[in-house]
């Protein structure tokens, strides 16, 4: 299935969508959606995949709580591609090249106390790998799902998520790749009536990680909270994009991403798009991105966008800020006998604390705190 626009799109809702990679023009880096991304570092994921060595990633999970199942399904399963229609060359390549999909099912009415922990493990960054994951949360279910990415890989993957009427999903995605890894991920969430999702996206590892998240509302009362935490070190490129598509009345969204950068050529990109369509009256939305530059040579690009087609909304706003350490905060701490290096670490920990506390898994919160501390210590901050 292909949807073509007769002219260059003037709105996100008019963008080309197709399951066939051949329908998307070759990327040049001049496109608005790709102007921040160093295409050469994608190692062939921006092409058509032909002639490249094919690799795989391994999926692991521990004991599953009652009410949760994990299976493999074929590409012919009607759920595959039912939520996410690829909207760029990379997601279309991943859709066509993935041999099957990982299916995570949470039963209707299940209230799952323990987190569902899944792990994607890469073993070869020299070959192109492709993946597909489908998460379906049944009506009135409540669950936390943690999806971790570790090891070495060059991976393009699509993730589809459905949250049925009255259900609540907390989804934590963690990119803690090895230094040589590359990932381009597309994740789309579809919310039913009064459904809720809290998505916490954490990006720490990898050479280049580009993650695109889309939220679609199907009925009234849907709520989406999208949070992100990223820390780019020397030479890393971490890119996060969101599209929150308000298509029905009386839904809510809140987006809050925070990033820290240190070292030469550390580069982060955040692009937050919120589309409020004409029929989406009563929408309440806000998005904010904050970046903390810890050294010279680092660069943070931040682009919030609001596209509003109706004046009958509850509220809409956006904000973006990028800056260095607050000298007053440092002075306050140092005046109380705290050495400068420790004072800087305290400021960074405080900067991220609110978002880390959104993760309802204690050992994971501690692990992320330790990882951030290790980066600061390594840099001598």
Protein backbone atom coordinates (compact mmCIF):
# COMPACT_ATOMS: atom_id res chain seq x y z
CA UNK A 1 0.00 0.00 0.00
CA UNK A 2 1.33 3.42 -0.96
CA UNK A 3 0.03 6.89 -0.22
CA UNK A 4 1.52 9.58 -2.43
CA UNK A 5 1.17 13.33 -2.12
CA UNK A 6 0.90 15.19 -5.43
CA UNK A 7 3.14 17.97 -4.11
CA UNK A 8 5.75 18.21 -1.38
CA UNK A 9 3.93 17.79 1.94
CA UNK A 10 3.04 20.94 3.83
CA UNK A 11 1.91 19.02 6.92
CA UNK A 12 3.06 15.87 8.69
CA UNK A 13 -0.27 14.23 7.86
CA UNK A 14 0.49 14.45 4.12
CA UNK A 15 3.87 12.70 4.20
CA UNK A 16 4.48 9.71 1.94
CA UNK A 17 3.74 6.35 3.56
CA UNK A 18 4.53 3.03 1.94
CA UNK A 19 5.59 -0.53 2.76
CA UNK A 20 7.87 -0.57 -0.32
CA UNK A 21 11.35 0.91 0.06
CA UNK A 22 11.45 1.60 -3.70
CA UNK A 23 8.71 4.22 -3.28
CA UNK A 24 11.04 6.44 -1.26
CA UNK A 25 13.66 8.51 -3.11
CA UNK A 26 17.33 7.96 -2.31
CA UNK A 27 18.44 10.08 0.61
CA UNK A 28 20.78 13.00 0.03
CA UNK A 29 20.94 14.53 3.51
CA UNK A 30 19.25 17.69 2.26
CA UNK A 31 15.78 16.50 3.26
CA UNK A 32 14.27 18.26 6.26
CA UNK A 33 13.82 14.94 8.08
CA UNK A 34 17.45 13.93 7.51
CA UNK A 35 19.44 17.17 7.53
CA UNK A 36 20.85 16.53 11.01
CA UNK A 37 21.71 12.86 10.45
CA UNK A 38 25.19 11.86 9.13
CA UNK A 39 23.96 9.40 6.50
CA UNK A 40 27.35 7.78 5.89
CA UNK A 41 27.42 6.60 9.48
CA UNK A 42 24.22 4.61 8.90
CA UNK A 43 26.36 1.98 7.11
CA UNK A 44 23.91 1.15 4.35
CA UNK A 45 20.66 1.43 6.32
CA UNK A 46 19.76 4.47 4.20
CA UNK A 47 20.09 2.43 0.98
CA UNK A 48 18.04 -0.51 -0.20
CA UNK A 49 19.99 -3.19 1.65
CA UNK A 50 21.12 -4.95 -1.51
CA UNK A 51 24.60 -6.45 -1.58
CA UNK A 52 25.21 -5.95 2.13
CA UNK A 53 26.00 -8.77 4.52
CA UNK A 54 22.99 -9.73 6.59
CA UNK A 55 23.22 -10.16 10.32
CA UNK A 56 20.77 -10.91 13.11
CA UNK A 57 20.04 -9.80 16.63
CA UNK A 58 19.10 -12.13 19.45
CA UNK A 59 16.02 -11.66 21.63
CA UNK A 60 16.10 -12.69 25.26
CA UNK A 61 13.64 -12.58 28.13
CA UNK A 62 13.47 -13.90 31.65
CA UNK A 63 10.53 -15.47 33.43
CA UNK A 64 7.28 -13.95 32.24
CA UNK A 65 4.65 -12.76 34.72
CA UNK A 66 1.19 -14.30 34.60
CA UNK A 67 -0.92 -12.81 31.84
CA UNK A 68 2.04 -12.11 29.52
CA UNK A 69 3.21 -14.19 26.57
CA UNK A 70 6.10 -13.74 24.13
CA UNK A 71 6.06 -15.47 20.72
CA UNK A 72 7.46 -15.22 17.21
CA UNK A 73 4.97 -14.52 14.43
CA UNK A 74 5.37 -14.56 10.67
CA UNK A 75 5.24 -11.58 8.37
CA UNK A 76 1.86 -12.82 7.13
CA UNK A 77 0.28 -12.19 10.54
CA UNK A 78 -2.29 -9.38 10.03
CA UNK A 79 -0.96 -7.47 13.03
CA UNK A 80 2.41 -6.83 11.36
CA UNK A 81 2.19 -3.43 9.70
CA UNK A 82 -1.30 -2.71 11.02
CA UNK A 83 -0.17 0.16 13.27
CA UNK A 84 2.98 1.51 11.61
CA UNK A 85 2.99 2.20 7.89
CA UNK A 86 6.62 3.10 7.07
CA UNK A 87 7.05 6.80 6.43
CA UNK A 88 10.70 6.92 5.41
CA UNK A 89 13.24 4.82 3.54
CA UNK A 90 14.79 3.20 6.61
CA UNK A 91 11.53 2.07 8.22
CA UNK A 92 10.37 0.66 4.86
CA UNK A 93 13.65 -1.24 4.49
CA UNK A 94 13.24 -2.68 7.98
CA UNK A 95 9.64 -3.68 7.28
CA UNK A 96 10.56 -5.54 4.10
CA UNK A 97 13.74 -7.17 5.41
CA UNK A 98 12.60 -8.44 8.82
CA UNK A 99 11.96 -12.18 8.52
CA UNK A 100 9.47 -12.35 11.37
CA UNK A 101 8.32 -10.36 14.41
CA UNK A 102 8.53 -10.64 18.17
CA UNK A 103 5.02 -10.56 19.65
CA UNK A 104 4.45 -9.47 23.25
CA UNK A 105 0.86 -9.97 24.42
CA UNK A 106 -0.67 -8.76 27.69
CA UNK A 107 -4.02 -10.40 28.38
CA UNK A 108 -7.21 -8.44 28.85
CA UNK A 109 -7.79 -7.31 32.45
CA UNK A 110 -4.32 -8.48 33.53
CA UNK A 111 -2.72 -6.30 36.19
CA UNK A 112 0.94 -7.27 35.98
CA UNK A 113 2.92 -6.39 39.10
CA UNK A 114 6.39 -7.40 37.87
CA UNK A 115 8.02 -5.68 34.86
CA UNK A 116 8.26 -7.60 31.58
CA UNK A 117 11.95 -7.45 30.63
CA UNK A 118 13.06 -8.05 27.06
CA UNK A 119 16.56 -7.71 25.63
CA UNK A 120 17.78 -7.23 22.07
CA UNK A 121 21.39 -8.39 21.79
CA UNK A 122 23.63 -7.53 18.84
CA UNK A 123 26.75 -9.53 18.02
CA UNK A 124 28.07 -8.07 14.74
CA UNK A 125 28.13 -4.40 13.77
CA UNK A 126 29.61 -5.29 10.38
CA UNK A 127 26.37 -6.71 8.95
CA UNK A 128 22.92 -5.16 8.49
CA UNK A 129 20.27 -6.49 10.85
CA UNK A 130 16.52 -5.85 10.76
CA UNK A 131 13.87 -6.35 13.41
CA UNK A 132 10.17 -6.03 14.12
CA UNK A 133 8.38 -6.03 17.47
CA UNK A 134 4.65 -5.92 18.18
CA UNK A 135 3.36 -5.18 21.69
CA UNK A 136 -0.38 -5.54 22.33
CA UNK A 137 -1.88 -4.60 25.68
CA UNK A 138 -5.40 -5.91 26.19
CA UNK A 139 -8.42 -3.98 27.40
CA UNK A 140 -8.11 -2.68 30.99
CA UNK A 141 -4.69 -4.33 31.45
CA UNK A 142 -1.84 -2.61 33.33
CA UNK A 143 1.81 -3.47 32.70
CA UNK A 144 5.39 -2.21 32.58
CA UNK A 145 7.55 -3.40 29.67
CA UNK A 146 11.31 -2.82 29.52
CA UNK A 147 13.00 -3.21 26.12
CA UNK A 148 16.81 -3.08 26.33
CA UNK A 149 19.30 -2.92 23.44
CA UNK A 150 22.89 -4.04 24.07
CA UNK A 151 25.92 -5.37 22.18
CA UNK A 152 27.18 -4.52 18.69
CA UNK A 153 24.81 -4.19 15.74
CA UNK A 154 23.83 -2.17 12.71
CA UNK A 155 20.08 -2.40 13.17
CA UNK A 156 16.96 -0.93 11.60
CA UNK A 157 13.83 -1.95 13.46
CA UNK A 158 10.16 -1.12 13.75
CA UNK A 159 8.13 -1.37 16.95
CA UNK A 160 4.33 -1.35 16.92
CA UNK A 161 2.34 -0.87 20.13
CA UNK A 162 -1.40 -1.08 20.72
CA UNK A 163 -2.92 -0.06 24.04
CA UNK A 164 -6.59 -1.09 24.12
CA UNK A 165 -9.48 0.77 25.77
CA UNK A 166 -8.82 1.59 29.42
CA UNK A 167 -5.38 -0.05 29.45
CA UNK A 168 -2.21 1.43 30.94
CA UNK A 169 1.29 0.76 29.61
CA UNK A 170 4.60 1.99 30.95
CA UNK A 171 7.20 1.32 28.25
CA UNK A 172 10.91 1.82 28.95
CA UNK A 173 13.24 1.57 25.96
CA UNK A 174 16.95 1.59 26.68
CA UNK A 175 19.71 1.96 24.07
CA UNK A 176 22.86 0.92 25.91
CA UNK A 177 24.74 -0.31 22.86
CA UNK A 178 28.46 -0.89 22.50
CA UNK A 179 30.48 2.01 21.09
CA UNK A 180 30.38 0.67 17.50
CA UNK A 181 26.62 0.11 17.23
CA UNK A 182 24.21 1.90 14.89
CA UNK A 183 20.44 1.86 15.29
CA UNK A 184 17.58 3.50 13.40
CA UNK A 185 14.32 2.70 15.16
CA UNK A 186 10.72 3.64 14.43
CA UNK A 187 8.16 3.15 17.20
CA UNK A 188 4.45 3.85 16.84
CA UNK A 189 1.82 3.70 19.59
CA UNK A 190 -1.94 3.46 18.96
CA UNK A 191 -4.17 4.35 21.91
CA UNK A 192 -7.77 3.30 22.47
CA UNK A 193 -10.47 5.06 24.49
CA UNK A 194 -9.13 6.26 27.86
CA UNK A 195 -5.89 4.34 27.22
CA UNK A 196 -2.65 5.61 28.74
CA UNK A 197 1.01 5.23 27.88
CA UNK A 198 4.08 6.46 29.71
CA UNK A 199 7.13 5.99 27.48
CA UNK A 200 10.60 6.59 28.93
CA UNK A 201 13.28 6.52 26.25
CA UNK A 202 16.90 6.27 27.42
CA UNK A 203 19.87 6.59 25.04
CA UNK A 204 23.40 6.20 26.35
CA UNK A 205 25.40 3.92 24.05
CA UNK A 206 26.11 3.47 20.36
CA UNK A 207 27.98 5.37 17.68
CA UNK A 208 24.77 6.63 16.06
CA UNK A 209 21.26 6.09 17.44
CA UNK A 210 18.23 7.62 15.70
CA UNK A 211 14.83 6.96 17.26
CA UNK A 212 11.48 8.15 15.95
CA UNK A 213 8.35 7.82 18.11
CA UNK A 214 4.78 8.42 16.91
CA UNK A 215 1.58 8.44 18.96
CA UNK A 216 -1.85 8.05 17.37
CA UNK A 217 -5.18 8.46 19.18
CA UNK A 218 -8.24 6.52 18.01
CA UNK A 219 -10.87 7.55 20.58
CA UNK A 220 -11.48 10.12 23.29
CA UNK A 221 -9.61 10.19 26.57
CA UNK A 222 -6.23 8.92 25.41
CA UNK A 223 -3.18 10.11 27.37
CA UNK A 224 0.47 9.97 26.33
CA UNK A 225 3.46 10.95 28.44
CA UNK A 226 6.73 10.75 26.51
CA UNK A 227 9.97 11.24 28.42
CA UNK A 228 13.53 10.97 27.21
CA UNK A 229 16.97 10.90 28.80
CA UNK A 230 20.15 10.92 26.73
CA UNK A 231 23.85 11.48 27.38
CA UNK A 232 26.16 11.91 24.38
CA UNK A 233 29.91 11.43 24.73
CA UNK A 234 32.72 12.31 22.31
CA UNK A 235 31.78 11.50 18.72
CA UNK A 236 28.33 10.12 19.53
CA UNK A 237 25.25 11.11 17.52
CA UNK A 238 21.97 10.63 19.41
CA UNK A 239 18.80 11.75 17.62
CA UNK A 240 15.23 11.66 18.90
CA UNK A 241 12.11 12.62 16.99
CA UNK A 242 8.47 12.53 18.05
CA UNK A 243 5.19 13.00 16.24
CA UNK A 244 2.15 13.23 18.50
CA UNK A 245 -0.84 13.13 16.16
CA UNK A 246 -4.00 14.38 17.86
CA UNK A 247 -6.78 13.12 15.61
CA UNK A 248 -9.76 12.90 18.02
CA UNK A 249 -11.21 15.19 20.71
CA UNK A 250 -10.33 15.36 24.38
CA UNK A 251 -6.91 13.70 24.46
CA UNK A 252 -3.74 14.74 26.25
CA UNK A 253 0.00 14.58 25.63
CA UNK A 254 3.06 15.69 27.53
CA UNK A 255 6.60 15.42 26.12
CA UNK A 256 9.72 16.07 28.20
CA UNK A 257 13.25 15.20 27.00
CA UNK A 258 16.54 16.07 28.66
CA UNK A 259 20.06 15.54 27.39
CA UNK A 260 23.64 16.09 28.49
CA UNK A 261 26.62 16.32 26.15
CA UNK A 262 30.38 16.22 26.71
CA UNK A 263 33.42 15.85 24.51
CA UNK A 264 34.42 16.83 20.98
CA UNK A 265 31.77 16.23 18.31
CA UNK A 266 29.17 14.96 20.74
CA UNK A 267 25.92 15.73 18.91
CA UNK A 268 22.30 15.38 19.94
CA UNK A 269 19.15 16.16 17.99
CA UNK A 270 15.63 16.48 19.35
CA UNK A 271 12.71 17.27 17.03
CA UNK A 272 9.27 17.30 18.63
CA UNK A 273 6.25 17.58 16.33
CA UNK A 274 2.71 17.90 17.68
CA UNK A 275 -0.15 17.94 15.18
CA UNK A 276 -3.60 18.97 16.41
CA UNK A 277 -6.09 18.28 13.65
CA UNK A 278 -9.30 20.23 13.06
CA UNK A 279 -11.45 17.55 14.66
CA UNK A 280 -9.24 17.24 17.78
CA UNK A 281 -11.06 19.78 19.94
CA UNK A 282 -10.31 19.81 23.65
CA UNK A 283 -6.69 18.75 23.15
CA UNK A 284 -4.22 19.52 25.95
CA UNK A 285 -0.55 19.24 24.98
CA UNK A 286 2.87 20.49 26.00
CA UNK A 287 6.44 19.63 25.00
CA UNK A 288 9.81 20.71 26.34
CA UNK A 289 13.43 19.83 25.61
CA UNK A 290 16.37 20.83 27.79
CA UNK A 291 20.04 20.25 27.05
CA UNK A 292 23.09 20.69 29.26
CA UNK A 293 26.45 21.28 27.58
CA UNK A 294 29.25 20.00 29.81
CA UNK A 295 32.21 20.89 27.57
CA UNK A 296 33.29 22.76 24.48
CA UNK A 297 32.97 20.97 21.14
CA UNK A 298 29.51 19.53 21.83
CA UNK A 299 26.40 20.52 19.87
CA UNK A 300 22.70 20.15 20.65
CA UNK A 301 20.00 20.84 18.05
CA UNK A 302 16.49 21.28 19.41
CA UNK A 303 13.39 21.91 17.27
CA UNK A 304 9.90 21.97 18.83
CA UNK A 305 7.00 22.26 16.39
CA UNK A 306 3.27 22.80 16.94
CA UNK A 307 0.80 22.49 14.06
CA UNK A 308 -2.70 23.50 15.17
CA UNK A 309 -5.75 23.27 12.91
CA UNK A 310 -8.41 24.20 15.50
CA UNK A 311 -8.73 26.97 18.06
CA UNK A 312 -10.95 24.93 20.37
CA UNK A 313 -8.27 23.35 22.55
CA UNK A 314 -7.60 23.14 26.29
CA UNK A 315 -3.97 24.14 25.91
CA UNK A 316 -0.86 23.84 23.75
CA UNK A 317 2.69 24.95 24.28
CA UNK A 318 6.35 24.14 23.75
CA UNK A 319 9.74 25.18 25.03
CA UNK A 320 13.41 24.45 24.41
CA UNK A 321 16.56 25.43 26.28
CA UNK A 322 20.24 24.64 25.81
CA UNK A 323 22.93 25.95 28.10
CA UNK A 324 25.96 25.33 30.27
CA UNK A 325 26.19 24.83 34.02
CA UNK A 326 24.38 27.35 36.13
CA UNK A 327 27.21 29.28 37.79
CA UNK A 328 24.95 30.19 40.70
CA UNK A 329 24.25 26.52 41.43
CA UNK A 330 27.95 25.71 41.35
CA UNK A 331 28.78 28.68 43.57
CA UNK A 332 26.08 27.67 46.07
CA UNK A 333 27.45 24.12 46.37
CA UNK A 334 31.12 25.10 46.40
CA UNK A 335 30.44 27.76 49.07
CA UNK A 336 29.38 24.88 51.31
CA UNK A 337 32.71 23.12 50.93
CA UNK A 338 31.82 20.78 48.05
CA UNK A 339 34.70 20.44 45.52
CA UNK A 340 33.93 21.71 42.03
CA UNK A 341 34.07 18.26 40.37
CA UNK A 342 31.61 16.81 42.89
CA UNK A 343 29.39 19.90 42.59
CA UNK A 344 29.19 19.40 38.83
CA UNK A 345 28.19 15.76 39.29
CA UNK A 346 25.48 16.77 41.73
CA UNK A 347 24.08 19.28 39.24
CA UNK A 348 23.95 16.67 36.46
CA UNK A 349 22.36 14.06 38.72
CA UNK A 350 19.74 16.61 39.73
CA UNK A 351 19.16 17.51 36.07
CA UNK A 352 18.25 13.90 35.26
CA UNK A 353 16.64 12.86 38.56
CA UNK A 354 13.06 13.71 37.64
CA UNK A 355 13.16 11.58 34.49
CA UNK A 356 14.99 8.65 36.07
CA UNK A 357 12.31 8.54 38.73
CA UNK A 358 9.68 8.01 36.01
CA UNK A 359 11.07 4.47 35.59
CA UNK A 360 9.16 2.12 37.95
CA UNK A 361 12.00 -0.44 38.13
CA UNK A 362 14.37 0.19 41.04
CA UNK A 363 17.42 -1.75 39.84
CA UNK A 364 17.19 -0.07 36.43
CA UNK A 365 17.06 3.38 38.03
CA UNK A 366 20.18 2.55 40.02
CA UNK A 367 21.95 1.20 36.94
CA UNK A 368 21.25 4.34 34.94
CA UNK A 369 22.44 6.53 37.79
CA UNK A 370 25.68 4.55 37.94
CA UNK A 371 26.13 4.80 34.15
CA UNK A 372 25.75 8.58 34.21
CA UNK A 373 28.16 8.81 37.16
CA UNK A 374 30.71 6.71 35.28
CA UNK A 375 30.57 9.02 32.28
CA UNK A 376 31.08 12.09 34.40
CA UNK A 377 33.99 10.48 36.23
CA UNK A 378 35.58 9.38 32.98
CA UNK A 379 35.48 12.93 31.66
CA UNK A 380 36.71 14.40 34.91
CA UNK A 381 33.63 16.56 35.28
